[in-house]
N, C-alpha and C. Protein backbone atom coordinates (compact mmCIF):
# COMPACT_ATOMS: atom_id res chain seq x y z
N MET A 1 99.85 134.28 268.31
CA MET A 1 101.02 134.64 267.57
C MET A 1 101.40 133.54 266.57
N PRO A 2 101.58 133.88 265.31
CA PRO A 2 101.85 132.87 264.29
C PRO A 2 103.21 132.20 264.54
N ALA A 3 103.24 130.93 264.21
CA ALA A 3 104.53 130.22 264.26
C ALA A 3 104.98 129.88 262.83
N THR A 4 106.25 129.65 262.70
CA THR A 4 106.76 129.34 261.33
C THR A 4 107.34 127.95 261.37
N LEU A 5 106.89 127.12 260.40
CA LEU A 5 107.39 125.81 260.19
C LEU A 5 108.49 125.77 259.12
N THR A 6 109.49 125.05 259.31
CA THR A 6 110.47 124.86 258.27
C THR A 6 110.13 123.54 257.54
N ILE A 7 109.94 123.62 256.25
CA ILE A 7 109.50 122.50 255.46
C ILE A 7 110.69 122.11 254.54
N HIS A 8 110.99 120.82 254.48
CA HIS A 8 112.01 120.28 253.61
C HIS A 8 111.36 119.28 252.66
N ASP A 9 111.74 119.22 251.41
CA ASP A 9 111.49 118.15 250.55
C ASP A 9 112.71 117.30 250.52
N GLU A 10 112.57 115.97 250.61
CA GLU A 10 113.66 115.06 250.61
C GLU A 10 113.47 113.92 249.65
N THR A 11 114.57 113.39 249.18
CA THR A 11 114.48 112.14 248.39
C THR A 11 114.47 110.99 249.39
N ALA A 12 114.17 109.81 248.87
CA ALA A 12 114.17 108.59 249.74
C ALA A 12 115.55 108.34 250.30
N ALA A 13 116.56 108.85 249.63
CA ALA A 13 117.95 108.69 250.13
C ALA A 13 118.37 109.74 251.19
N GLY A 14 117.40 110.68 251.49
CA GLY A 14 117.69 111.69 252.47
C GLY A 14 118.26 113.01 251.96
N LYS A 15 118.37 113.16 250.65
CA LYS A 15 118.88 114.40 250.09
C LYS A 15 117.82 115.50 250.06
N LYS A 16 118.08 116.64 250.66
CA LYS A 16 117.12 117.73 250.68
C LYS A 16 117.16 118.46 249.33
N THR A 17 115.99 118.55 248.69
CA THR A 17 115.88 119.16 247.41
C THR A 17 115.23 120.55 247.36
N ASN A 18 114.55 120.87 248.45
CA ASN A 18 113.84 122.14 248.49
C ASN A 18 113.56 122.45 249.97
N THR A 19 113.78 123.67 250.44
CA THR A 19 113.49 124.08 251.78
C THR A 19 112.78 125.40 251.72
N PHE A 20 111.74 125.57 252.49
CA PHE A 20 111.04 126.82 252.60
C PHE A 20 110.31 126.88 253.94
N THR A 21 109.69 128.05 254.24
CA THR A 21 108.96 128.16 255.48
C THR A 21 107.49 128.35 255.22
N LEU A 22 106.68 128.01 256.22
CA LEU A 22 105.27 128.08 256.15
C LEU A 22 104.75 128.73 257.45
N ASP A 23 104.05 129.83 257.34
CA ASP A 23 103.52 130.48 258.48
C ASP A 23 102.18 129.80 258.94
N CYS A 24 102.11 129.52 260.23
CA CYS A 24 100.95 128.87 260.78
C CYS A 24 100.28 129.72 261.84
N LEU A 25 98.95 129.79 261.83
CA LEU A 25 98.24 130.63 262.75
C LEU A 25 97.82 129.92 264.02
N THR A 26 97.99 128.60 264.11
CA THR A 26 97.61 127.85 265.22
C THR A 26 98.80 127.06 265.80
N GLU A 27 98.61 126.60 267.06
CA GLU A 27 99.70 125.80 267.69
C GLU A 27 99.57 124.33 267.44
N HIS A 28 98.43 123.88 266.89
CA HIS A 28 98.23 122.49 266.57
C HIS A 28 97.72 122.41 265.16
N MET A 29 98.10 121.33 264.47
CA MET A 29 97.72 121.19 263.06
C MET A 29 97.69 119.68 262.78
N THR A 30 96.74 119.26 261.93
CA THR A 30 96.70 117.88 261.47
C THR A 30 97.57 117.77 260.23
N VAL A 31 97.92 116.53 259.88
CA VAL A 31 98.72 116.27 258.65
C VAL A 31 97.91 116.77 257.46
N ARG A 32 96.62 116.56 257.43
CA ARG A 32 95.75 117.00 256.32
C ARG A 32 95.85 118.53 256.15
N GLU A 33 95.76 119.28 257.29
CA GLU A 33 95.87 120.73 257.27
C GLU A 33 97.24 121.21 256.78
N LEU A 34 98.27 120.46 257.24
CA LEU A 34 99.62 120.83 256.78
C LEU A 34 99.79 120.67 255.30
N ILE A 35 99.29 119.56 254.75
CA ILE A 35 99.40 119.32 253.29
C ILE A 35 98.61 120.40 252.56
N ARG A 36 97.41 120.70 253.09
CA ARG A 36 96.60 121.77 252.43
C ARG A 36 97.32 123.07 252.42
N ALA A 37 97.88 123.49 253.57
CA ALA A 37 98.56 124.80 253.65
C ALA A 37 99.80 124.84 252.78
N ARG A 38 100.51 123.74 252.71
CA ARG A 38 101.71 123.69 251.88
C ARG A 38 101.35 123.79 250.38
N ILE A 39 100.37 122.98 249.94
CA ILE A 39 99.97 122.99 248.56
C ILE A 39 99.40 124.38 248.17
N TYR A 40 98.57 124.92 249.00
CA TYR A 40 97.97 126.25 248.72
C TYR A 40 99.06 127.30 248.56
N GLN A 41 100.04 127.33 249.48
CA GLN A 41 101.08 128.32 249.42
C GLN A 41 101.94 128.16 248.21
N GLU A 42 102.37 126.96 247.91
CA GLU A 42 103.28 126.80 246.77
C GLU A 42 102.60 127.05 245.43
N VAL A 43 101.32 126.73 245.29
CA VAL A 43 100.60 127.00 244.06
C VAL A 43 100.32 128.50 243.95
N GLN A 44 99.91 129.15 245.03
CA GLN A 44 99.68 130.61 244.98
C GLN A 44 100.96 131.34 244.60
N ASP A 45 102.07 130.96 245.22
CA ASP A 45 103.39 131.55 244.86
C ASP A 45 103.67 131.43 243.38
N TYR A 46 103.44 130.22 242.88
CA TYR A 46 103.70 129.95 241.44
C TYR A 46 102.74 130.78 240.57
N ASN A 47 101.45 130.78 240.90
CA ASN A 47 100.46 131.44 240.05
C ASN A 47 100.70 132.99 240.05
N GLN A 48 101.17 133.55 241.14
CA GLN A 48 101.43 134.98 241.13
C GLN A 48 102.67 135.35 240.34
N LYS A 49 103.69 134.57 240.38
CA LYS A 49 104.95 134.88 239.72
C LYS A 49 105.19 134.21 238.35
N GLN A 50 104.56 133.07 238.26
CA GLN A 50 104.75 132.20 237.04
C GLN A 50 106.19 132.08 236.62
N PRO A 51 107.06 131.59 237.49
CA PRO A 51 108.47 131.38 237.05
C PRO A 51 108.55 130.27 236.07
N GLU A 52 109.74 130.05 235.51
CA GLU A 52 109.93 128.99 234.53
C GLU A 52 109.66 127.60 235.07
N TYR A 53 109.99 127.41 236.37
CA TYR A 53 109.82 126.09 236.95
C TYR A 53 108.92 126.09 238.15
N PHE A 54 108.10 125.06 238.33
CA PHE A 54 107.27 124.94 239.49
C PHE A 54 107.99 123.94 240.43
N ARG A 55 108.23 124.36 241.63
CA ARG A 55 108.89 123.49 242.63
C ARG A 55 107.84 123.14 243.69
N GLY A 56 107.17 122.04 243.51
CA GLY A 56 106.11 121.65 244.42
C GLY A 56 106.09 120.18 244.73
N LEU A 57 105.17 119.81 245.60
CA LEU A 57 105.04 118.44 246.03
C LEU A 57 104.56 117.53 244.90
N VAL A 58 103.53 118.06 244.16
CA VAL A 58 102.87 117.24 243.15
C VAL A 58 103.17 117.82 241.76
N GLU A 59 103.51 117.00 240.82
CA GLU A 59 103.76 117.38 239.44
C GLU A 59 102.48 117.86 238.80
N PRO A 60 102.41 119.06 238.28
CA PRO A 60 101.20 119.48 237.58
C PRO A 60 100.96 118.72 236.28
N THR A 61 99.70 118.66 235.86
CA THR A 61 99.36 118.00 234.59
C THR A 61 100.07 118.79 233.50
N ASN A 62 100.45 118.06 232.43
CA ASN A 62 101.17 118.61 231.33
C ASN A 62 102.47 119.35 231.70
N ALA A 63 103.22 118.72 232.57
CA ALA A 63 104.52 119.28 232.99
C ALA A 63 105.57 118.23 232.78
N GLU A 64 106.79 118.66 232.72
CA GLU A 64 107.91 117.75 232.53
C GLU A 64 108.78 117.87 233.75
N ARG A 65 109.22 116.75 234.32
CA ARG A 65 110.12 116.74 235.46
C ARG A 65 111.50 117.11 234.94
N VAL A 66 112.11 118.14 235.55
CA VAL A 66 113.41 118.64 235.20
C VAL A 66 114.22 118.77 236.50
N LEU A 67 115.48 119.04 236.32
CA LEU A 67 116.38 119.16 237.54
C LEU A 67 115.90 120.17 238.51
N ASN A 68 115.30 121.30 238.09
CA ASN A 68 114.90 122.40 238.95
C ASN A 68 113.46 122.26 239.43
N GLY A 69 112.80 121.18 239.19
CA GLY A 69 111.39 121.03 239.59
C GLY A 69 110.57 120.48 238.41
N TYR A 70 109.53 121.18 238.05
CA TYR A 70 108.69 120.78 236.95
C TYR A 70 108.54 121.96 236.00
N LYS A 71 108.60 121.67 234.69
CA LYS A 71 108.44 122.70 233.69
C LYS A 71 107.14 122.45 232.98
N LEU A 72 106.22 123.42 233.06
CA LEU A 72 104.94 123.31 232.41
C LEU A 72 105.16 123.58 230.91
N LYS A 73 104.43 122.84 230.07
CA LYS A 73 104.61 122.95 228.62
C LYS A 73 104.21 124.36 228.17
N ALA A 74 103.21 124.92 228.86
CA ALA A 74 102.83 126.34 228.63
C ALA A 74 102.54 126.94 229.99
N ARG A 75 103.04 128.10 230.22
CA ARG A 75 102.76 128.73 231.51
C ARG A 75 101.29 129.03 231.66
N ARG A 76 100.76 128.67 232.80
CA ARG A 76 99.33 128.75 233.09
C ARG A 76 99.10 128.76 234.58
N GLN A 77 97.92 129.01 234.99
CA GLN A 77 97.50 128.94 236.39
C GLN A 77 97.37 127.48 236.79
N ILE A 78 97.85 127.13 237.95
CA ILE A 78 97.73 125.76 238.44
C ILE A 78 96.56 125.76 239.44
N ASP A 79 95.76 124.72 239.44
CA ASP A 79 94.60 124.61 240.35
C ASP A 79 95.08 123.98 241.63
N TRP A 80 95.11 124.75 242.70
CA TRP A 80 95.63 124.31 244.00
C TRP A 80 94.74 123.17 244.57
N GLN A 81 93.46 123.22 244.30
CA GLN A 81 92.55 122.18 244.86
C GLN A 81 92.82 120.82 244.24
N GLU A 82 93.08 120.85 242.92
CA GLU A 82 93.42 119.55 242.23
C GLU A 82 94.72 119.01 242.78
N GLN A 83 95.77 119.93 242.93
CA GLN A 83 96.99 119.52 243.49
C GLN A 83 96.83 118.93 244.90
N TYR A 84 95.99 119.57 245.68
CA TYR A 84 95.76 119.14 247.05
C TYR A 84 95.11 117.74 247.13
N HIS A 85 94.06 117.52 246.29
CA HIS A 85 93.41 116.21 246.30
C HIS A 85 94.36 115.12 245.85
N ARG A 86 95.21 115.40 244.87
CA ARG A 86 96.14 114.42 244.42
C ARG A 86 97.23 114.15 245.47
N ALA A 87 97.62 115.17 246.20
CA ALA A 87 98.57 114.99 247.30
C ALA A 87 97.96 114.11 248.38
N LEU A 88 96.69 114.34 248.73
CA LEU A 88 96.04 113.47 249.78
C LEU A 88 95.99 112.03 249.27
N ASP A 89 95.64 111.85 248.04
CA ASP A 89 95.61 110.49 247.46
C ASP A 89 97.02 109.87 247.49
N ALA A 90 98.03 110.65 247.15
CA ALA A 90 99.38 110.11 247.12
C ALA A 90 99.80 109.70 248.57
N PHE A 91 99.45 110.51 249.56
CA PHE A 91 99.79 110.15 250.91
C PHE A 91 99.15 108.82 251.31
N GLY A 92 97.90 108.62 250.94
CA GLY A 92 97.18 107.42 251.19
C GLY A 92 97.76 106.17 250.49
N ARG A 93 98.41 106.42 249.36
CA ARG A 93 99.02 105.31 248.59
C ARG A 93 100.54 105.17 248.90
N ASN A 94 101.00 105.88 249.93
CA ASN A 94 102.43 105.89 250.29
C ASN A 94 103.35 106.40 249.22
N GLY A 95 102.86 107.41 248.45
CA GLY A 95 103.69 108.07 247.42
C GLY A 95 104.70 108.95 248.05
N PHE A 96 104.41 109.43 249.26
CA PHE A 96 105.33 110.19 250.09
C PHE A 96 104.95 110.02 251.51
N PHE A 97 105.88 110.29 252.42
CA PHE A 97 105.55 110.26 253.84
C PHE A 97 106.11 111.56 254.47
N LEU A 98 105.57 111.93 255.67
CA LEU A 98 105.97 113.08 256.38
C LEU A 98 106.64 112.68 257.64
N LEU A 99 107.73 113.45 257.94
CA LEU A 99 108.32 113.36 259.25
C LEU A 99 108.12 114.72 259.87
N VAL A 100 107.50 114.68 261.03
CA VAL A 100 107.25 115.94 261.84
C VAL A 100 108.23 115.80 263.02
N GLY A 101 109.22 116.66 263.00
CA GLY A 101 110.32 116.43 263.95
C GLY A 101 110.98 115.13 263.60
N ASP A 102 111.02 114.16 264.54
CA ASP A 102 111.65 112.90 264.27
C ASP A 102 110.65 111.78 264.22
N LYS A 103 109.32 112.15 264.11
CA LYS A 103 108.25 111.15 264.07
C LYS A 103 107.54 111.16 262.74
N GLN A 104 107.32 109.89 262.27
CA GLN A 104 106.61 109.77 260.99
C GLN A 104 105.12 109.92 261.20
N ALA A 105 104.49 110.74 260.37
CA ALA A 105 103.03 110.93 260.39
C ALA A 105 102.39 109.62 259.85
N GLU A 106 101.39 109.13 260.58
CA GLU A 106 100.77 107.88 260.18
C GLU A 106 99.40 108.00 259.52
N SER A 107 98.75 109.14 259.76
CA SER A 107 97.41 109.34 259.17
C SER A 107 97.14 110.85 258.91
N LEU A 108 96.23 111.09 258.01
CA LEU A 108 95.90 112.51 257.68
C LEU A 108 95.31 113.26 258.87
N ASP A 109 94.69 112.56 259.79
CA ASP A 109 94.06 113.18 260.93
C ASP A 109 94.97 113.29 262.15
N GLN A 110 96.16 112.78 262.01
CA GLN A 110 97.11 112.90 263.16
C GLN A 110 97.45 114.33 263.41
N GLU A 111 97.39 114.75 264.65
CA GLU A 111 97.68 116.13 265.01
C GLU A 111 99.07 116.25 265.65
N PHE A 112 99.71 117.38 265.41
CA PHE A 112 101.02 117.60 266.02
C PHE A 112 101.08 119.06 266.48
N GLU A 113 101.98 119.31 267.38
CA GLU A 113 102.16 120.60 267.96
C GLU A 113 103.20 121.36 267.19
N ILE A 114 102.94 122.66 266.90
CA ILE A 114 103.92 123.48 266.21
C ILE A 114 104.68 124.28 267.26
N LYS A 115 105.97 124.03 267.28
CA LYS A 115 106.87 124.77 268.17
C LYS A 115 107.81 125.60 267.36
N VAL A 116 108.62 126.42 268.00
CA VAL A 116 109.54 127.28 267.31
C VAL A 116 110.48 126.54 266.37
N ASP A 117 110.95 125.37 266.84
CA ASP A 117 111.95 124.62 266.08
C ASP A 117 111.41 123.42 265.34
N THR A 118 110.08 123.38 265.16
CA THR A 118 109.49 122.22 264.44
C THR A 118 109.87 122.22 262.98
N GLU A 119 110.39 121.13 262.52
CA GLU A 119 110.74 120.94 261.12
C GLU A 119 109.93 119.78 260.55
N VAL A 120 109.52 119.90 259.29
CA VAL A 120 108.72 118.87 258.66
C VAL A 120 109.47 118.51 257.36
N SER A 121 109.55 117.19 257.14
CA SER A 121 110.15 116.70 255.90
C SER A 121 109.12 115.92 255.13
N PHE A 122 108.94 116.30 253.84
CA PHE A 122 108.12 115.54 252.92
C PHE A 122 109.07 114.67 252.12
N VAL A 123 108.97 113.31 252.28
CA VAL A 123 109.88 112.46 251.62
C VAL A 123 109.12 111.76 250.48
N LYS A 124 109.52 112.11 249.24
CA LYS A 124 108.85 111.55 248.08
C LYS A 124 109.42 110.19 247.76
N LEU A 125 108.51 109.24 247.55
CA LEU A 125 108.96 107.90 247.20
C LEU A 125 108.80 107.64 245.70
N VAL A 126 107.83 108.29 245.09
CA VAL A 126 107.58 108.17 243.64
C VAL A 126 107.19 109.57 243.12
N PRO A 127 107.37 109.88 241.83
CA PRO A 127 106.94 111.16 241.33
C PRO A 127 105.44 111.26 241.46
N LEU A 128 104.95 112.48 241.82
CA LEU A 128 103.54 112.66 242.10
C LEU A 128 102.98 113.60 241.03
N VAL A 129 102.03 113.11 240.25
CA VAL A 129 101.46 113.88 239.12
C VAL A 129 100.11 114.43 239.54
N GLY A 130 99.87 115.71 239.24
CA GLY A 130 98.62 116.37 239.63
C GLY A 130 98.12 117.35 238.64
N GLY A 131 97.53 118.46 239.13
CA GLY A 131 96.78 119.47 238.29
C GLY A 131 97.58 120.59 237.95
């Protein structure tokens, strides 16, 4: 039975800037898998609807940071794999960190259990530029 994770984006000061849910098919997940699932979902959602603003973890190439997220100079499809690889790189460089429940994730291969009330916070420390 699929579980649903609540995902929050937060600033370093603790302000929540974006909240959404992510459906998970397994009871355990690594940090790497979580980042992949998050990036894939947010890019697919954007590519299908192409709204005015992209609200994602990594700033797409040729986009401008605005109050509501990122505004692409021209609406286009975003490459989720490029976004994913840049997000992994940013995690390794401490561009953001993850809190799973009340514990900070320390490595991409760290595994955690998904429960009904599991919440994940992506805390951005610097703007993340990607694809």
